[in-house]
Amino acid sequence: MKDTDYEYNGLMALFWDLLRGDTSQWPDRFFFKDVILSSGQPALDVGCGTGRLLLDYLADGIDIEGVDNSPEMLALCREKAKNLGLQPTLYQQTMEELALPRKYRTIIVPSHSFQLIIELEDAAKAIRRFYEQLEPGGTLAMPFKILYTGEDDQPVAPEDWWLMIEKENPADGALVQRWIRYRYDTDNQLEHTEDRYDVLREGEVIASQYHARSPATRWYSQKQATELYKQAGFINIRVTHELSNEPALEGDTFFCVFGSR
């Protein structure tokens, strides 16, 4: 199955929710809801995917819209919403070209989705687009993760495939597997990844998708992330420890950055 010009497609999109499993108790669900309730509505979920957070928040009465660059993920989101009796407002756009008709009080970019932007110039554009989509005084909240510090051996050798997860598809009983392999470029703060999605029935592979991104993900130090916010015009910038309101520690590799317009 051939890749398209957007990442989440084919088997990757189709089985995204199945392989993620029950996310109802994931910490970010509660964290970003509190951010929105504190910072204000309307809100925008950037990289909303199949609506993991978006649909929960809509069901709770939060005024929130979603944007993603994958039409397949958005189609799945609409299907899930229909089954729940919800009518989300969704847009298909990239972060760096974001141009929506509404201004928001809060913008969230969960799941480290911002780090999928590889080029620093595009990252700067995206941050600026977030700034422009906010109401005056509005808040941008994004988590960041340093993927590899170089202090330990890489957990998977570049030539080795690792079975990350497998689950039975309740729709037809087929076994769905996700295999990955990756390597880190610490000098340039980039991750290179390969994914393979296999669907098996009675031990035979009946469908498969290979997906590669090289590079796939960029990571940032706390200083680099805050500098991006500053260059876009944000004020009141603060960095918190993981998904909390506590100030980040110097050695944190998982942190959240807030900024106000």
C-alpha atoms as a PDB file:
ATOM      1  CA  MET A   1       0.000   0.000   0.000  1.00  0.00           C
ATOM      2  CA  LYS A   2       1.519   3.282  -1.097  1.00  0.00           C
ATOM      3  CA  ASP A   3       1.990   6.235   1.241  1.00  0.00           C
ATOM      4  CA  THR A   4       0.238   9.504   0.440  1.00  0.00           C
ATOM      5  CA  ASP A   5       1.390  13.061   1.065  1.00  0.00           C
ATOM      6  CA  TYR A   6      -0.124  12.948   4.552  1.00  0.00           C
ATOM      7  CA  GLU A   7       1.128  10.568   7.199  1.00  0.00           C
ATOM      8  CA  TYR A   8      -1.950   8.971   8.707  1.00  0.00           C
ATOM      9  CA  ASN A   9      -3.427   6.904   5.896  1.00  0.00           C
ATOM     10  CA  GLY A  10      -4.436   3.377   4.957  1.00  0.00           C
ATOM     11  CA  LEU A  11      -4.065   0.705   7.625  1.00  0.00           C
ATOM     12  CA  MET A  12      -2.362   3.185   9.942  1.00  0.00           C
ATOM     13  CA  ALA A  13      -5.507   5.327  10.035  1.00  0.00           C
ATOM     14  CA  LEU A  14      -7.975   2.438   9.886  1.00  0.00           C
ATOM     15  CA  PHE A  15      -6.569   0.685  12.955  1.00  0.00           C
ATOM     16  CA  TRP A  16      -5.333   3.732  14.858  1.00  0.00           C
ATOM     17  CA  ASP A  17      -8.053   3.569  17.504  1.00  0.00           C
ATOM     18  CA  LEU A  18      -7.950  -0.210  17.812  1.00  0.00           C
ATOM     19  CA  LEU A  19      -4.221  -0.283  18.508  1.00  0.00           C
ATOM     20  CA  ARG A  20      -4.394   2.628  20.935  1.00  0.00           C
ATOM     21  CA  GLY A  21      -7.058   0.885  22.990  1.00  0.00           C
ATOM     22  CA  ASP A  22      -8.974   2.554  25.801  1.00  0.00           C
ATOM     23  CA  THR A  23      -7.677   6.123  26.152  1.00  0.00           C
ATOM     24  CA  SER A  24     -10.412   7.359  28.471  1.00  0.00           C
ATOM     25  CA  GLN A  25      -8.053   7.507  31.459  1.00  0.00           C
ATOM     26  CA  TRP A  26      -5.016   8.942  29.702  1.00  0.00           C
ATOM     27  CA  PRO A  27      -3.682  11.901  31.720  1.00  0.00           C
ATOM     28  CA  ASP A  28      -3.804  14.342  28.813  1.00  0.00           C
ATOM     29  CA  ARG A  29      -7.569  13.962  28.551  1.00  0.00           C
ATOM     30  CA  PHE A  30      -7.998  15.567  31.971  1.00  0.00           C
ATOM     31  CA  PHE A  31      -5.064  17.959  31.605  1.00  0.00           C
ATOM     32  CA  PHE A  32      -6.187  19.625  28.382  1.00  0.00           C
ATOM     33  CA  LYS A  33      -9.794  19.785  29.526  1.00  0.00           C
ATOM     34  CA  ASP A  34      -8.628  21.740  32.577  1.00  0.00           C
ATOM     35  CA  VAL A  35      -6.510  23.974  30.325  1.00  0.00           C
ATOM     36  CA  ILE A  36      -9.544  24.817  28.193  1.00  0.00           C
ATOM     37  CA  LEU A  37     -11.826  25.404  31.169  1.00  0.00           C
ATOM     38  CA  SER A  38      -9.203  27.678  32.703  1.00  0.00           C
ATOM     39  CA  SER A  39      -8.128  29.559  29.563  1.00  0.00           C
ATOM     40  CA  GLY A  40     -11.531  29.809  27.925  1.00  0.00           C
ATOM     41  CA  GLN A  41     -13.588  28.830  24.916  1.00  0.00           C
ATOM     42  CA  PRO A  42     -13.890  28.416  21.987  1.00  0.00           C
ATOM     43  CA  ALA A  43     -11.023  25.968  21.690  1.00  0.00           C
ATOM     44  CA  LEU A  44      -9.175  24.351  18.800  1.00  0.00           C
ATOM     45  CA  ASP A  45      -7.734  20.825  18.862  1.00  0.00           C
ATOM     46  CA  VAL A  46      -4.813  20.776  16.413  1.00  0.00           C
ATOM     47  CA  GLY A  47      -4.020  17.312  15.085  1.00  0.00           C
ATOM     48  CA  CYS A  48      -7.387  16.068  16.326  1.00  0.00           C
ATOM     49  CA  GLY A  49      -7.126  12.800  14.386  1.00  0.00           C
ATOM     50  CA  THR A  50     -10.095  10.512  14.980  1.00  0.00           C
ATOM     51  CA  GLY A  51     -11.354  12.735  17.784  1.00  0.00           C
ATOM     52  CA  ARG A  52      -9.875  11.089  20.861  1.00  0.00           C
ATOM     53  CA  LEU A  53     -10.090  14.317  22.888  1.00  0.00           C
ATOM     54  CA  LEU A  54     -12.325  16.398  20.650  1.00  0.00           C
ATOM     55  CA  LEU A  55     -15.375  14.147  20.852  1.00  0.00           C
ATOM     56  CA  ASP A  56     -15.038  13.699  24.618  1.00  0.00           C
ATOM     57  CA  TYR A  57     -14.928  17.451  25.100  1.00  0.00           C
ATOM     58  CA  LEU A  58     -17.842  18.059  22.726  1.00  0.00           C
ATOM     59  CA  ALA A  59     -19.915  15.513  24.642  1.00  0.00           C
ATOM     60  CA  ASP A  60     -19.083  17.449  27.817  1.00  0.00           C
ATOM     61  CA  GLY A  61     -20.474  20.643  26.275  1.00  0.00           C
ATOM     62  CA  ILE A  62     -17.159  22.321  25.459  1.00  0.00           C
ATOM     63  CA  ASP A  63     -17.134  24.619  22.420  1.00  0.00           C
ATOM     64  CA  ILE A  64     -14.263  23.042  20.493  1.00  0.00           C
ATOM     65  CA  GLU A  65     -13.338  22.514  16.851  1.00  0.00           C
ATOM     66  CA  GLY A  66     -10.709  20.294  15.253  1.00  0.00           C
ATOM     67  CA  VAL A  67      -8.147  20.391  12.464  1.00  0.00           C
ATOM     68  CA  ASP A  68      -5.988  17.658  10.955  1.00  0.00           C
ATOM     69  CA  ASN A  69      -4.126  17.146   7.690  1.00  0.00           C
ATOM     70  CA  SER A  70      -5.393  13.574   7.158  1.00  0.00           C
ATOM     71  CA  PRO A  71      -8.769  13.245   5.403  1.00  0.00           C
ATOM     72  CA  GLU A  72      -8.897   9.596   6.433  1.00  0.00           C
ATOM     73  CA  MET A  73      -8.534  10.383  10.128  1.00  0.00           C
ATOM     74  CA  LEU A  74     -11.140  13.137   9.827  1.00  0.00           C
ATOM     75  CA  ALA A  75     -13.544  10.739   8.074  1.00  0.00           C
ATOM     76  CA  LEU A  76     -13.163   8.308  10.971  1.00  0.00           C
ATOM     77  CA  CYS A  77     -13.768  11.168  13.399  1.00  0.00           C
ATOM     78  CA  ARG A  78     -17.000  12.100  11.618  1.00  0.00           C
ATOM     79  CA  GLU A  79     -18.160   8.474  11.651  1.00  0.00           C
ATOM     80  CA  LYS A  80     -17.509   8.176  15.391  1.00  0.00           C
ATOM     81  CA  ALA A  81     -19.237  11.512  15.996  1.00  0.00           C
ATOM     82  CA  LYS A  82     -22.329  10.392  14.070  1.00  0.00           C
ATOM     83  CA  ASN A  83     -22.571   7.269  16.211  1.00  0.00           C
ATOM     84  CA  LEU A  84     -22.387   9.477  19.311  1.00  0.00           C
ATOM     85  CA  GLY A  85     -24.935  11.986  18.023  1.00  0.00           C
ATOM     86  CA  LEU A  86     -22.313  14.749  17.781  1.00  0.00           C
ATOM     87  CA  GLN A  87     -21.671  17.234  14.986  1.00  0.00           C
ATOM     88  CA  PRO A  88     -18.070  18.454  15.192  1.00  0.00           C
ATOM     89  CA  THR A  89     -16.686  21.285  13.104  1.00  0.00           C
ATOM     90  CA  LEU A  90     -13.601  19.856  11.414  1.00  0.00           C
ATOM     91  CA  TYR A  91     -11.035  21.286   9.011  1.00  0.00           C
ATOM     92  CA  GLN A  92      -8.424  19.611   6.841  1.00  0.00           C
ATOM     93  CA  GLN A  93      -5.292  21.778   6.917  1.00  0.00           C
ATOM     94  CA  THR A  94      -1.630  21.569   7.817  1.00  0.00           C
ATOM     95  CA  MET A  95      -0.369  23.410  10.884  1.00  0.00           C
ATOM     96  CA  GLU A  96       1.963  25.661   8.927  1.00  0.00           C
ATOM     97  CA  GLU A  97      -0.830  26.734   6.536  1.00  0.00           C
ATOM     98  CA  LEU A  98      -3.533  27.077   9.184  1.00  0.00           C
ATOM     99  CA  ALA A  99      -6.164  29.636   8.204  1.00  0.00           C
ATOM    100  CA  LEU A 100      -9.541  29.165   9.867  1.00  0.00           C
ATOM    101  CA  PRO A 101     -12.588  31.464   9.906  1.00  0.00           C
ATOM    102  CA  ARG A 102     -12.779  31.619  13.689  1.00  0.00           C
ATOM    103  CA  LYS A 103     -10.545  32.919  16.472  1.00  0.00           C
ATOM    104  CA  TYR A 104     -10.036  30.806  19.569  1.00  0.00           C
ATOM    105  CA  ARG A 105      -9.480  31.456  23.235  1.00  0.00           C
ATOM    106  CA  THR A 106      -7.476  28.250  23.635  1.00  0.00           C
ATOM    107  CA  ILE A 107      -5.449  26.182  21.168  1.00  0.00           C
ATOM    108  CA  ILE A 108      -4.143  22.772  22.195  1.00  0.00           C
ATOM    109  CA  VAL A 109      -1.749  20.569  20.212  1.00  0.00           C
ATOM    110  CA  PRO A 110      -1.844  17.217  22.051  1.00  0.00           C
ATOM    111  CA  SER A 111       0.240  14.064  21.564  1.00  0.00           C
ATOM    112  CA  HIS A 112       3.415  15.942  20.580  1.00  0.00           C
ATOM    113  CA  SER A 113       1.869  16.407  17.116  1.00  0.00           C
ATOM    114  CA  PHE A 114       3.771  19.647  16.603  1.00  0.00           C
ATOM    115  CA  GLN A 115       7.014  17.654  16.558  1.00  0.00           C
ATOM    116  CA  LEU A 116       5.924  15.983  13.305  1.00  0.00           C
ATOM    117  CA  ILE A 117       6.900  19.233  11.584  1.00  0.00           C
ATOM    118  CA  ILE A 118      10.499  18.597  10.545  1.00  0.00           C
ATOM    119  CA  GLU A 119      11.712  21.850   9.006  1.00  0.00           C
ATOM    120  CA  LEU A 120      12.451  24.632  11.486  1.00  0.00           C
ATOM    121  CA  GLU A 121      11.096  27.226   9.058  1.00  0.00           C
ATOM    122  CA  ASP A 122       7.782  25.359   8.868  1.00  0.00           C
ATOM    123  CA  ALA A 123       7.695  25.017  12.651  1.00  0.00           C
ATOM    124  CA  ALA A 124       8.092  28.776  12.999  1.00  0.00           C
ATOM    125  CA  LYS A 125       5.276  29.296  10.476  1.00  0.00           C
ATOM    126  CA  ALA A 126       2.999  26.952  12.406  1.00  0.00           C
ATOM    127  CA  ILE A 127       3.595  28.727  15.710  1.00  0.00           C
ATOM    128  CA  ARG A 128       2.860  32.030  14.017  1.00  0.00           C
ATOM    129  CA  ARG A 129      -0.355  30.607  12.550  1.00  0.00           C
ATOM    130  CA  PHE A 130      -1.405  29.471  16.032  1.00  0.00           C
ATOM    131  CA  TYR A 131      -0.723  32.986  17.307  1.00  0.00           C
ATOM    132  CA  GLU A 132      -2.855  34.533  14.563  1.00  0.00           C
ATOM    133  CA  GLN A 133      -5.763  32.143  15.265  1.00  0.00           C
ATOM    134  CA  LEU A 134      -5.942  33.136  18.921  1.00  0.00           C
ATOM    135  CA  GLU A 135      -8.093  35.851  20.373  1.00  0.00           C
ATOM    136  CA  PRO A 136      -6.152  38.590  22.189  1.00  0.00           C
ATOM    137  CA  GLY A 137      -5.212  37.117  25.551  1.00  0.00           C
ATOM    138  CA  GLY A 138      -5.761  33.584  24.251  1.00  0.00           C
ATOM    139  CA  THR A 139      -3.545  30.648  25.212  1.00  0.00           C
ATOM    140  CA  LEU A 140      -1.514  28.095  23.248  1.00  0.00           C
ATOM    141  CA  ALA A 141      -0.613  24.888  25.117  1.00  0.00           C
ATOM    142  CA  MET A 142       1.663  22.260  23.591  1.00  0.00           C
ATOM    143  CA  PRO A 143       3.511  19.295  25.105  1.00  0.00           C
ATOM    144  CA  PHE A 144       7.068  18.513  23.989  1.00  0.00           C
ATOM    145  CA  LYS A 145       9.130  15.368  24.403  1.00  0.00           C
ATOM    146  CA  ILE A 146      12.879  14.960  24.007  1.00  0.00           C
ATOM    147  CA  LEU A 147      12.962  11.567  22.349  1.00  0.00           C
ATOM    148  CA  TYR A 148      16.565  10.636  23.000  1.00  0.00           C
ATOM    149  CA  THR A 149      19.280  12.200  25.113  1.00  0.00           C
ATOM    150  CA  GLY A 150      22.133  10.029  23.868  1.00  0.00           C
ATOM    151  CA  GLU A 151      22.917   8.872  27.391  1.00  0.00           C
ATOM    152  CA  ASP A 152      21.852   5.243  26.814  1.00  0.00           C
ATOM    153  CA  ASP A 153      21.997   2.817  23.941  1.00  0.00           C
ATOM    154  CA  GLN A 154      19.219   3.228  21.418  1.00  0.00           C
ATOM    155  CA  PRO A 155      16.443   0.873  22.536  1.00  0.00           C
ATOM    156  CA  VAL A 156      16.070  -0.759  19.128  1.00  0.00           C
ATOM    157  CA  ALA A 157      18.889  -1.438  16.696  1.00  0.00           C
ATOM    158  CA  PRO A 158      18.195   0.244  13.334  1.00  0.00           C
ATOM    159  CA  GLU A 159      18.054  -3.084  11.508  1.00  0.00           C
ATOM    160  CA  ASP A 160      15.667  -4.786  13.958  1.00  0.00           C
ATOM    161  CA  TRP A 161      11.884  -4.774  13.673  1.00  0.00           C
ATOM    162  CA  TRP A 162      10.055  -4.612  16.991  1.00  0.00           C
ATOM    163  CA  LEU A 163       6.472  -5.793  17.456  1.00  0.00           C
ATOM    164  CA  MET A 164       5.075  -2.776  19.248  1.00  0.00           C
ATOM    165  CA  ILE A 165       1.514  -4.046  19.657  1.00  0.00           C
ATOM    166  CA  GLU A 166      -0.986  -6.543  18.308  1.00  0.00           C
ATOM    167  CA  LYS A 167      -4.735  -6.763  18.822  1.00  0.00           C
ATOM    168  CA  GLU A 168      -7.656  -8.731  17.506  1.00  0.00           C
ATOM    169  CA  ASN A 169     -10.030  -6.739  15.342  1.00  0.00           C
ATOM    170  CA  PRO A 170     -13.484  -7.296  16.875  1.00  0.00           C
ATOM    171  CA  ALA A 171     -15.116  -6.634  13.501  1.00  0.00           C
ATOM    172  CA  ASP A 172     -13.762  -9.791  11.848  1.00  0.00           C
ATOM    173  CA  GLY A 173     -11.428 -11.534  14.284  1.00  0.00           C
ATOM    174  CA  ALA A 174      -8.290 -10.726  12.267  1.00  0.00           C
ATOM    175  CA  LEU A 175      -5.048 -10.036  14.126  1.00  0.00           C
ATOM    176  CA  VAL A 176      -3.637  -6.547  13.573  1.00  0.00           C
ATOM    177  CA  GLN A 177       0.052  -5.953  14.252  1.00  0.00           C
ATOM    178  CA  ARG A 178       2.185  -2.835  14.299  1.00  0.00           C
ATOM    179  CA  TRP A 179       5.925  -3.347  13.806  1.00  0.00           C
ATOM    180  CA  ILE A 180       8.402  -0.477  14.147  1.00  0.00           C
ATOM    181  CA  ARG A 181      12.071   0.304  13.827  1.00  0.00           C
ATOM    182  CA  TYR A 182      13.789   3.630  14.300  1.00  0.00           C
ATOM    183  CA  ARG A 183      17.002   5.491  14.884  1.00  0.00           C
ATOM    184  CA  TYR A 184      17.933   8.814  16.430  1.00  0.00           C
ATOM    185  CA  ASP A 185      20.119  11.619  15.094  1.00  0.00           C
ATOM    186  CA  THR A 186      21.099  13.407  18.282  1.00  0.00           C
ATOM    187  CA  ASP A 187      23.191  16.053  16.503  1.00  0.00           C
ATOM    188  CA  ASN A 188      20.155  17.317  14.598  1.00  0.00           C
ATOM    189  CA  GLN A 189      17.514  16.260  17.148  1.00  0.00           C
ATOM    190  CA  LEU A 190      15.676  14.090  14.649  1.00  0.00           C
ATOM    191  CA  GLU A 191      14.037  10.681  14.757  1.00  0.00           C
ATOM    192  CA  HIS A 192      13.820   8.426  11.681  1.00  0.00           C
ATOM    193  CA  THR A 193      11.069   5.807  11.710  1.00  0.00           C
ATOM    194  CA  GLU A 194       9.666   2.861   9.806  1.00  0.00           C
ATOM    195  CA  ASP A 195       6.295   1.275  10.547  1.00  0.00           C
ATOM    196  CA  ARG A 196       4.712  -1.882   9.192  1.00  0.00           C
ATOM    197  CA  TYR A 197       1.070  -2.723   9.718  1.00  0.00           C
ATOM    198  CA  ASP A 198       0.136  -6.369   9.124  1.00  0.00           C
ATOM    199  CA  VAL A 199      -3.330  -7.933   9.171  1.00  0.00           C
ATOM    200  CA  LEU A 200      -3.311 -11.697   9.687  1.00  0.00           C
ATOM    201  CA  ARG A 201      -5.981 -14.367   9.483  1.00  0.00           C
ATOM    202  CA  GLU A 202      -5.132 -17.917  10.526  1.00  0.00           C
ATOM    203  CA  GLY A 203      -1.471 -16.980  10.580  1.00  0.00           C
ATOM    204  CA  GLU A 204      -1.423 -15.641   7.009  1.00  0.00           C
ATOM    205  CA  VAL A 205      -0.818 -11.975   6.200  1.00  0.00           C
ATOM    206  CA  ILE A 206      -3.832 -10.780   4.217  1.00  0.00           C
ATOM    207  CA  ALA A 207      -2.956  -7.075   4.169  1.00  0.00           C
ATOM    208  CA  SER A 208       0.173  -5.053   4.884  1.00  0.00           C
ATOM    209  CA  GLN A 209       1.311  -1.443   4.811  1.00  0.00           C
ATOM    210  CA  TYR A 210       4.882  -0.194   5.040  1.00  0.00           C
ATOM    211  CA  HIS A 211       5.363   3.392   6.096  1.00  0.00           C
ATOM    212  CA  ALA A 212       8.630   5.304   6.429  1.00  0.00           C
ATOM    213  CA  ARG A 213       9.452   8.866   7.441  1.00  0.00           C
ATOM    214  CA  SER A 214      13.034   9.975   7.327  1.00  0.00           C
ATOM    215  CA  PRO A 215      13.223  12.133   9.274  1.00  0.00           C
ATOM    216  CA  ALA A 216       9.946  11.634  11.113  1.00  0.00           C
ATOM    217  CA  THR A 217      10.056  13.729  14.263  1.00  0.00           C
ATOM    218  CA  ARG A 218      12.006  16.692  15.624  1.00  0.00           C
ATOM    219  CA  TRP A 219      12.575  17.318  19.284  1.00  0.00           C
ATOM    220  CA  TYR A 220      13.320  20.542  21.171  1.00  0.00           C
ATOM    221  CA  SER A 221      14.980  21.539  24.392  1.00  0.00           C
ATOM    222  CA  GLN A 222      12.993  23.707  26.784  1.00  0.00           C
ATOM    223  CA  LYS A 223      15.011  26.726  25.677  1.00  0.00           C
ATOM    224  CA  GLN A 224      14.446  26.010  21.978  1.00  0.00           C
ATOM    225  CA  ALA A 225      10.701  25.542  22.466  1.00  0.00           C
ATOM    226  CA  THR A 226      10.280  28.784  24.404  1.00  0.00           C
ATOM    227  CA  GLU A 227      12.321  30.637  21.778  1.00  0.00           C
ATOM    228  CA  LEU A 228       9.845  29.497  19.106  1.00  0.00           C
ATOM    229  CA  TYR A 229       7.034  31.003  21.160  1.00  0.00           C
ATOM    230  CA  LYS A 230       8.928  34.259  21.663  1.00  0.00           C
ATOM    231  CA  GLN A 231       9.711  34.644  17.972  1.00  0.00           C
ATOM    232  CA  ALA A 232       6.026  34.234  17.131  1.00  0.00           C
ATOM    233  CA  GLY A 233       5.088  37.027  19.509  1.00  0.00           C
ATOM    234  CA  PHE A 234       3.802  35.084  22.508  1.00  0.00           C
ATOM    235  CA  ILE A 235       4.054  36.546  25.997  1.00  0.00           C
ATOM    236  CA  ASN A 236       3.633  35.103  29.501  1.00  0.00           C
ATOM    237  CA  ILE A 237       5.495  32.006  28.381  1.00  0.00           C
ATOM    238  CA  ARG A 238       5.877  29.285  30.964  1.00  0.00           C
ATOM    239  CA  VAL A 239       7.139  25.712  30.894  1.00  0.00           C
ATOM    240  CA  THR A 240       5.568  23.067  33.115  1.00  0.00           C
ATOM    241  CA  HIS A 241       6.620  19.643  34.312  1.00  0.00           C
ATOM    242  CA  GLU A 242       5.044  17.004  32.080  1.00  0.00           C
ATOM    243  CA  LEU A 243       1.243  17.454  32.096  1.00  0.00           C
ATOM    244  CA  SER A 244       0.938  19.613  35.175  1.00  0.00           C
ATOM    245  CA  ASN A 245       0.996  23.202  36.344  1.00  0.00           C
ATOM    246  CA  GLU A 246       4.235  22.683  38.253  1.00  0.00           C
ATOM    247  CA  PRO A 247       7.303  24.473  36.868  1.00  0.00           C
ATOM    248  CA  ALA A 248       9.471  22.264  34.676  1.00  0.00           C
ATOM    249  CA  LEU A 249      12.657  20.849  36.115  1.00  0.00           C
ATOM    250  CA  GLU A 250      15.931  21.487  34.326  1.00  0.00           C
ATOM    251  CA  GLY A 251      16.321  17.849  33.306  1.00  0.00           C
ATOM    252  CA  ASP A 252      12.731  17.261  32.181  1.00  0.00           C
ATOM    253  CA  THR A 253      12.476  15.470  28.864  1.00  0.00           C
ATOM    254  CA  PHE A 254       8.671  15.764  28.859  1.00  0.00           C
ATOM    255  CA  PHE A 255       7.256  19.249  29.372  1.00  0.00           C
ATOM    256  CA  CYS A 256       4.443  21.538  28.291  1.00  0.00           C
ATOM    257  CA  VAL A 257       4.843  25.097  27.025  1.00  0.00           C
ATOM    258  CA  PHE A 258       2.156  27.750  27.486  1.00  0.00           C
ATOM    259  CA  GLY A 259       2.029  31.156  25.862  1.00  0.00           C
ATOM    260  CA  SER A 260      -0.469  34.004  25.564  1.00  0.00           C
ATOM    261  CA  ARG A 261      -1.227  36.292  22.675  1.00  0.00           C
END
